[in-house]
Amino acid sequence: MEPDVLGAPYERRTIELGTDDEGPVVATLVRRRADRPTGRAVLYVHGFVDYFFQTHVADFFAERGWDFYALDLRKYGRSLLPHQTPNFCRDLSDYFPELDAAAEIIRADEGHQTLLAMGHSTGGLIISLWADARRDAGLVDGIVLNSPFFDINAPWVVRRPLAAAVSRLGRRAPQRVLPFGLGTVYGESLHADHRGEWRYDLAWKPLAGFPVRAGWLNAIRTGQRRLRAGLTIEVPVLLACSTRSFRGAKWHESATGADAVLDVEHMVRWAPRLGRHVTLARFDGGLHDLTLSSPGVREKVFAEVGRWAEGFLRAGPTEPEPGSTPPTPRPPADEPADARAAAGAEG
């Protein structure tokens, strides 16, 4: 491990992944140790146009005895190399080698007995597919999905017939840039230089995202079809999302209390396809990344995750030691150079 851009107590380890058609490939595993480790660990996977910067999430788990690990996937954030197309893949299974390697490091190399996988948005789709593919390996003991990307946020004609046509294009011309993107509303709701409270590297997480390419969209659509056909995840799953979506293309204050990226009803609809043991929790006022919501909302999110982990992972007490404080965001730092409704969750 070497020092991370977040500073102490964060460390990082580069995972070498060979080469692809663009050249050398790496992933990056970030670690934040608990002061009083319990043999439990979290493996966090970010979303599309994202990387790990949510230190208050790591603090929440570390204060409760969980060692926290976050994986910047290949071609994202810390793992993005100069010769690479940002955030690009041809199939979501391309990410399985770094997930396998991270689980091996956490379990075998560092001796953790309990591993909770936590995925946001595209990361939630990826770890769902990975957990299904590796269900006989016993790599994870539970999964938390934070607003997972289970369907394309568009009318049916775009989600199905048009997406099918784009998928065919993605197989023929995977690097073709498509004439649509994420917009800036969500980014504006987050970043402290605009309308939010968070600071992060805009080179790694641009407000309007990176160009959407046909091959990436084909990979997403293929992964979503696998999920909708039904997975067999045999460990408990907590799926958490907002109670509503924001559908405007331009800024409006209502974007500060809704998912401005995905349709939350898609998450609810497809949650039962994950496996037989799925808990659904919805949070009024939640943003797309629930952990970046307003303080009152994220407090409820953390409380629900803590109760769920204690109840379903048999992980023992998840409350912090007496005298400790709830997780709060750190002061803004300079950007780095380089299926049931959970009781009370809706507030």
Protein backbone atom coordinates (compact mmCIF):
# COMPACT_ATOMS: atom_id res chain seq x y z
CA MET A 1 0.00 0.00 0.00
CA GLU A 2 1.06 3.58 -0.68
CA PRO A 3 -0.42 6.95 0.37
CA ASP A 4 -3.64 7.90 -1.42
CA VAL A 5 -4.62 11.30 -2.83
CA LEU A 6 -7.18 11.59 0.01
CA GLY A 7 -4.36 11.64 2.57
CA ALA A 8 -4.09 9.68 5.81
CA PRO A 9 -5.61 7.32 6.84
CA TYR A 10 -6.27 6.35 3.21
CA GLU A 11 -3.87 4.09 1.35
CA ARG A 12 -4.03 2.59 -2.10
CA ARG A 13 -2.76 -0.43 -3.97
CA THR A 14 -2.50 -0.79 -7.74
CA ILE A 15 -3.87 -4.01 -9.22
CA GLU A 16 -2.16 -4.90 -12.50
CA LEU A 17 -4.62 -6.33 -15.02
CA GLY A 18 -2.51 -6.99 -18.11
CA THR A 19 -3.36 -5.26 -21.37
CA ASP A 20 -6.32 -4.70 -23.68
CA ASP A 21 -6.62 -3.14 -27.13
CA GLU A 22 -5.66 0.26 -25.68
CA GLY A 23 -2.62 -0.94 -23.74
CA PRO A 24 -1.83 -1.60 -20.05
CA VAL A 25 -4.78 -1.81 -17.66
CA VAL A 26 -4.88 -1.27 -13.88
CA ALA A 27 -7.42 -0.94 -11.09
CA THR A 28 -6.87 0.78 -7.74
CA LEU A 29 -7.88 -0.51 -4.31
CA VAL A 30 -8.18 2.21 -1.65
CA ARG A 31 -8.12 1.19 2.02
CA ARG A 32 -9.18 2.89 5.25
CA ARG A 33 -8.61 0.74 8.31
CA ALA A 34 -10.87 0.74 11.36
CA ASP A 35 -9.34 1.77 14.68
CA ARG A 36 -10.85 -1.36 16.29
CA PRO A 37 -11.07 -3.98 13.52
CA THR A 38 -13.62 -6.76 13.85
CA GLY A 39 -12.78 -9.03 10.92
CA ARG A 40 -15.45 -7.30 8.81
CA ALA A 41 -14.79 -5.38 5.61
CA VAL A 42 -16.67 -3.37 2.99
CA LEU A 43 -15.79 -3.34 -0.72
CA TYR A 44 -17.27 -0.24 -2.35
CA VAL A 45 -17.69 0.16 -6.13
CA HIS A 46 -18.50 3.55 -7.66
CA GLY A 47 -20.85 4.43 -10.51
CA PHE A 48 -20.42 5.73 -14.06
CA VAL A 49 -18.48 9.03 -14.30
CA ASP A 50 -17.33 8.48 -10.73
CA TYR A 51 -14.53 7.40 -8.42
CA PHE A 52 -14.18 6.98 -4.66
CA PHE A 53 -14.12 10.27 -2.76
CA GLN A 54 -16.95 9.74 -0.23
CA THR A 55 -14.80 9.64 2.91
CA HIS A 56 -17.81 10.00 5.21
CA VAL A 57 -19.05 6.60 3.98
CA ALA A 58 -15.72 5.04 4.93
CA ASP A 59 -15.84 6.83 8.30
CA PHE A 60 -19.28 5.40 9.03
CA PHE A 61 -18.09 1.84 8.61
CA ALA A 62 -14.66 2.34 10.18
CA GLU A 63 -16.23 3.76 13.35
CA ARG A 64 -18.19 0.51 13.63
CA GLY A 65 -15.20 -1.79 13.21
CA TRP A 66 -15.38 -2.39 9.46
CA ASP A 67 -12.20 -2.00 7.41
CA PHE A 68 -13.25 -0.07 4.30
CA TYR A 69 -12.01 -0.71 0.78
CA ALA A 70 -13.03 1.14 -2.38
CA LEU A 71 -12.21 -0.02 -5.89
CA ASP A 72 -11.61 2.48 -8.67
CA LEU A 73 -12.36 0.25 -11.65
CA ARG A 74 -10.18 0.16 -14.76
CA LYS A 75 -10.29 3.44 -16.75
CA TYR A 76 -11.93 5.31 -13.85
CA GLY A 77 -10.49 7.86 -11.43
CA ARG A 78 -7.17 6.77 -9.98
CA SER A 79 -7.01 3.93 -12.51
CA LEU A 80 -7.46 6.06 -15.65
CA LEU A 81 -4.25 6.04 -17.69
CA PRO A 82 -3.36 8.62 -20.37
CA HIS A 83 -3.82 6.22 -23.29
CA GLN A 84 -7.29 5.05 -22.23
CA THR A 85 -10.85 5.97 -23.17
CA PRO A 86 -12.40 7.17 -19.86
CA ASN A 87 -14.92 4.82 -18.26
CA PHE A 88 -15.15 2.57 -21.33
CA CYS A 89 -15.77 -1.17 -21.45
CA ARG A 90 -17.19 -3.66 -23.96
CA ASP A 91 -18.81 -5.98 -21.40
CA LEU A 92 -19.49 -5.53 -17.70
CA SER A 93 -17.73 -8.83 -17.03
CA ASP A 94 -14.52 -6.99 -17.99
CA TYR A 95 -14.57 -5.71 -14.40
CA PHE A 96 -14.76 -9.14 -12.78
CA PRO A 97 -10.95 -9.64 -12.63
CA GLU A 98 -10.41 -6.58 -10.43
CA LEU A 99 -13.36 -7.52 -8.25
CA ASP A 100 -11.94 -11.03 -7.88
CA ALA A 101 -8.52 -9.60 -7.06
CA ALA A 102 -9.94 -7.15 -4.51
CA ALA A 103 -11.92 -9.90 -2.77
CA GLU A 104 -8.80 -12.08 -2.68
CA ILE A 105 -6.77 -9.28 -1.11
CA ILE A 106 -9.45 -8.50 1.48
CA ARG A 107 -10.19 -12.10 2.45
CA ALA A 108 -7.04 -14.12 1.88
CA ASP A 109 -4.27 -11.53 2.18
CA GLU A 110 -5.77 -9.41 4.95
CA GLY A 111 -7.82 -12.07 6.75
CA HIS A 112 -11.37 -10.69 6.85
CA GLN A 113 -14.12 -13.18 7.62
CA THR A 114 -17.10 -11.03 6.54
CA LEU A 115 -17.24 -9.06 3.30
CA LEU A 116 -20.03 -6.66 2.38
CA ALA A 117 -20.07 -5.48 -1.24
CA MET A 118 -21.55 -2.03 -1.81
CA GLY A 119 -22.23 -0.67 -5.30
CA HIS A 120 -23.59 2.66 -6.53
CA SER A 121 -25.47 3.07 -9.84
CA THR A 122 -23.48 1.27 -12.57
CA GLY A 123 -21.36 -0.21 -9.78
CA GLY A 124 -24.56 -1.69 -8.34
CA LEU A 125 -25.33 -3.41 -11.63
CA ILE A 126 -21.75 -4.66 -11.93
CA ILE A 127 -21.53 -6.18 -8.45
CA SER A 128 -24.96 -7.78 -8.89
CA LEU A 129 -23.79 -9.57 -12.03
CA TRP A 130 -20.46 -10.44 -10.38
CA ALA A 131 -22.10 -11.82 -7.24
CA ASP A 132 -24.38 -13.97 -9.39
CA ALA A 133 -21.47 -15.26 -11.49
CA ARG A 134 -19.39 -16.01 -8.36
CA ARG A 135 -22.22 -17.28 -6.15
CA ASP A 136 -20.54 -20.64 -5.57
CA ALA A 137 -17.23 -19.05 -4.53
CA GLY A 138 -18.48 -17.51 -1.28
CA LEU A 139 -16.75 -14.20 -1.93
CA VAL A 140 -19.34 -11.89 -0.35
CA ASP A 141 -21.72 -12.21 2.59
CA GLY A 142 -24.11 -9.41 1.69
CA ILE A 143 -24.71 -6.67 -0.87
CA VAL A 144 -25.87 -3.05 -0.56
CA LEU A 145 -27.07 -1.41 -3.78
CA ASN A 146 -27.24 2.39 -3.78
CA SER A 147 -29.54 3.45 -6.66
CA PRO A 148 -28.45 0.66 -9.02
CA PHE A 149 -28.54 1.14 -12.82
CA PHE A 150 -31.09 -1.55 -13.68
CA ASP A 151 -32.67 0.13 -16.71
CA ILE A 152 -32.13 3.07 -19.03
CA ASN A 153 -33.90 6.22 -17.90
CA ALA A 154 -35.90 6.91 -21.04
CA PRO A 155 -39.30 6.15 -22.61
CA TRP A 156 -39.96 2.56 -23.65
CA VAL A 157 -39.24 3.19 -27.33
CA VAL A 158 -35.76 4.41 -26.38
CA ARG A 159 -35.14 1.73 -23.75
CA ARG A 160 -36.04 -1.16 -26.05
CA PRO A 161 -36.19 -0.71 -29.88
CA LEU A 162 -33.77 2.21 -30.11
CA ALA A 163 -31.41 0.71 -27.52
CA ALA A 164 -31.40 -2.53 -29.50
CA ALA A 165 -30.31 -0.62 -32.60
CA VAL A 166 -27.59 1.14 -30.64
CA SER A 167 -26.43 -2.20 -29.28
CA ARG A 168 -25.93 -3.47 -32.80
CA LEU A 169 -23.94 -0.33 -33.57
CA GLY A 170 -21.93 -0.92 -30.40
CA ARG A 171 -20.80 -4.30 -31.66
CA ARG A 172 -19.72 -2.87 -35.03
CA ALA A 173 -18.31 0.49 -33.90
CA PRO A 174 -17.84 0.39 -30.11
CA GLN A 175 -16.01 3.72 -29.89
CA ARG A 176 -18.74 5.66 -31.71
CA VAL A 177 -19.83 8.63 -29.59
CA LEU A 178 -23.59 8.83 -29.17
CA PRO A 179 -25.47 12.14 -29.44
CA PHE A 180 -26.60 12.30 -25.83
CA GLY A 181 -25.07 12.49 -22.38
CA LEU A 182 -25.77 12.96 -18.70
CA GLY A 183 -26.33 16.71 -18.58
CA THR A 184 -25.09 18.90 -15.73
CA VAL A 185 -28.07 18.99 -13.34
CA TYR A 186 -26.86 16.15 -11.13
CA GLY A 187 -23.29 17.41 -11.04
CA GLU A 188 -24.50 20.90 -10.13
CA SER A 189 -26.51 19.46 -7.25
CA LEU A 190 -23.34 17.87 -5.82
CA HIS A 191 -20.29 20.06 -6.35
CA ALA A 192 -19.48 22.84 -3.88
CA ASP A 193 -18.53 25.23 -6.70
CA HIS A 194 -22.11 25.06 -7.94
CA ARG A 195 -25.15 24.15 -5.78
CA GLY A 196 -23.84 21.26 -3.66
CA GLU A 197 -21.61 20.65 -0.64
CA TRP A 198 -19.02 18.22 -2.00
CA ARG A 199 -15.57 18.70 -3.47
CA TYR A 200 -14.12 16.16 -5.86
CA ASP A 201 -11.81 16.04 -8.88
CA LEU A 202 -13.72 17.36 -11.88
CA ALA A 203 -11.14 15.77 -14.20
CA TRP A 204 -12.22 12.37 -12.88
CA LYS A 205 -15.89 13.21 -12.38
CA PRO A 206 -16.87 16.00 -14.85
CA LEU A 207 -20.18 17.75 -14.31
CA ALA A 208 -21.51 16.60 -17.69
CA GLY A 209 -19.70 13.28 -17.65
CA PHE A 210 -17.61 11.71 -20.39
CA PRO A 211 -18.93 10.96 -23.89
CA VAL A 212 -21.31 8.00 -24.01
CA ARG A 213 -20.04 5.44 -26.53
CA ALA A 214 -21.98 2.79 -28.38
CA GLY A 215 -19.88 -0.08 -27.06
CA TRP A 216 -20.39 1.01 -23.46
CA LEU A 217 -24.15 1.32 -23.94
CA ASN A 218 -24.21 -2.15 -25.49
CA ALA A 219 -22.36 -3.48 -22.43
CA ILE A 220 -24.88 -1.82 -20.11
CA ARG A 221 -27.88 -3.07 -22.06
CA THR A 222 -26.48 -6.62 -22.15
CA GLY A 223 -25.88 -6.56 -18.39
CA GLN A 224 -29.35 -5.19 -17.71
CA ARG A 225 -30.93 -7.91 -19.84
CA ARG A 226 -29.07 -10.53 -17.82
CA LEU A 227 -30.39 -9.04 -14.61
CA ARG A 228 -33.97 -8.70 -15.83
CA ALA A 229 -33.92 -12.35 -16.90
CA GLY A 230 -33.28 -13.19 -13.23
CA LEU A 231 -30.14 -13.63 -11.16
CA THR A 232 -29.52 -16.08 -8.33
CA ILE A 233 -27.73 -14.03 -5.69
CA GLU A 234 -27.80 -16.20 -2.60
CA VAL A 235 -26.69 -13.64 -0.01
CA PRO A 236 -28.95 -10.92 1.47
CA VAL A 237 -29.32 -7.77 -0.63
CA LEU A 238 -30.33 -4.28 0.48
CA LEU A 239 -31.51 -2.09 -2.39
CA ALA A 240 -31.81 1.58 -1.46
CA CYS A 241 -33.10 4.40 -3.64
CA SER A 242 -34.95 7.70 -3.56
CA THR A 243 -38.74 7.97 -3.54
CA ARG A 244 -38.81 10.02 -6.75
CA SER A 245 -36.86 11.01 -9.85
CA PHE A 246 -36.15 14.43 -11.31
CA ARG A 247 -36.90 14.59 -15.04
CA GLY A 248 -35.84 18.08 -16.10
CA ALA A 249 -32.99 18.89 -18.48
CA LYS A 250 -32.34 22.26 -16.80
CA TRP A 251 -31.69 23.16 -13.21
CA HIS A 252 -34.59 23.31 -10.76
CA GLU A 253 -34.49 23.29 -6.98
CA SER A 254 -36.44 20.02 -6.91
CA ALA A 255 -33.28 18.31 -8.20
CA THR A 256 -31.84 18.67 -4.68
CA GLY A 257 -34.31 16.10 -3.32
CA ALA A 258 -34.63 13.47 -6.05
CA ASP A 259 -32.68 11.08 -8.26
CA ALA A 260 -31.65 13.27 -11.21
CA VAL A 261 -29.99 10.42 -13.13
CA LEU A 262 -32.16 7.28 -13.11
CA ASP A 263 -35.82 6.29 -12.80
CA VAL A 264 -36.22 4.95 -9.29
CA GLU A 265 -39.29 2.93 -10.29
CA HIS A 266 -37.06 0.81 -12.53
CA MET A 267 -34.99 -0.13 -9.48
CA VAL A 268 -38.08 -1.10 -7.54
CA ARG A 269 -39.52 -3.07 -10.47
CA TRP A 270 -36.44 -5.19 -11.08
CA ALA A 271 -35.31 -5.67 -7.45
CA PRO A 272 -37.02 -9.09 -7.15
CA ARG A 273 -34.89 -10.40 -10.04
CA LEU A 274 -31.76 -10.24 -7.91
CA GLY A 275 -32.52 -13.24 -5.73
CA ARG A 276 -34.82 -14.51 -3.01
CA HIS A 277 -33.65 -12.30 -0.14
CA VAL A 278 -33.99 -8.63 -1.12
CA THR A 279 -34.79 -5.72 1.19
CA LEU A 280 -36.04 -2.49 -0.40
CA ALA A 281 -35.57 0.85 1.36
CA ARG A 282 -36.69 4.16 -0.14
CA PHE A 283 -35.66 7.58 1.14
CA ASP A 284 -37.68 10.73 0.66
CA GLY A 285 -35.39 13.52 -0.55
CA GLY A 286 -32.61 11.15 -1.60
CA LEU A 287 -30.21 12.06 -4.41
CA HIS A 288 -28.95 9.56 -6.98
CA ASP A 289 -26.03 8.81 -4.69
CA LEU A 290 -27.97 8.53 -1.46
CA THR A 291 -24.85 9.05 0.63
CA LEU A 292 -24.44 12.53 -0.91
CA SER A 293 -27.98 13.60 -0.02
CA SER A 294 -28.75 16.32 2.53
CA PRO A 295 -27.57 15.58 6.09
CA GLY A 296 -30.96 14.45 7.38
CA VAL A 297 -31.47 12.03 4.50
CA ARG A 298 -28.04 10.48 4.63
CA GLU A 299 -28.38 10.02 8.38
CA LYS A 300 -31.43 7.86 7.67
CA VAL A 301 -29.55 6.00 4.94
CA PHE A 302 -26.66 5.17 7.27
CA ALA A 303 -29.04 4.12 10.04
CA GLU A 304 -30.86 1.74 7.69
CA VAL A 305 -27.63 0.25 6.37
CA GLY A 306 -26.43 -0.27 9.93
CA ARG A 307 -29.63 -2.01 11.03
CA TRP A 308 -29.70 -4.16 7.94
CA ALA A 309 -26.07 -5.25 8.32
CA GLU A 310 -26.58 -6.14 11.95
CA GLY A 311 -29.78 -8.05 11.26
CA PHE A 312 -28.94 -9.92 8.08
CA LEU A 313 -25.17 -10.38 8.18
CA ARG A 314 -25.11 -11.40 11.85
CA ALA A 315 -22.27 -8.95 12.07
CA GLY A 316 -22.71 -8.03 15.70
CA PRO A 317 -23.23 -4.49 16.95
CA THR A 318 -22.90 -1.82 14.29
CA GLU A 319 -23.27 1.15 16.61
CA PRO A 320 -20.13 3.23 17.18
CA GLU A 321 -18.43 3.28 20.54
CA PRO A 322 -19.92 5.66 23.16
CA GLY A 323 -18.72 9.19 22.63
CA SER A 324 -18.17 8.91 18.89
CA THR A 325 -20.10 11.15 16.50
CA PRO A 326 -22.21 10.37 13.43
CA PRO A 327 -20.42 10.49 10.08
CA THR A 328 -20.08 13.99 8.69
CA PRO A 329 -18.37 15.21 5.53
CA ARG A 330 -14.85 16.51 5.92
CA PRO A 331 -14.19 20.19 5.24
CA PRO A 332 -13.68 20.81 1.51
CA ALA A 333 -10.17 19.89 0.44
CA ASP A 334 -8.19 20.86 -2.62
CA GLU A 335 -8.95 18.67 -5.60
CA PRO A 336 -6.31 15.96 -6.18
CA ALA A 337 -3.87 16.68 -8.87
CA ASP A 338 -3.66 13.51 -10.54
CA ALA A 339 -38.31 -6.73 -1.84
CA ARG A 340 -39.93 -4.86 1.25
CA ALA A 341 -40.16 -1.21 2.16
CA ALA A 342 -37.99 -0.65 5.21
CA ALA A 343 -39.98 0.68 8.15
CA GLY A 344 -39.36 4.36 8.68
CA ALA A 345 -36.96 4.72 5.75
CA GLU A 346 -39.14 7.18 3.92
CA GLY A 347 -39.01 9.57 6.82
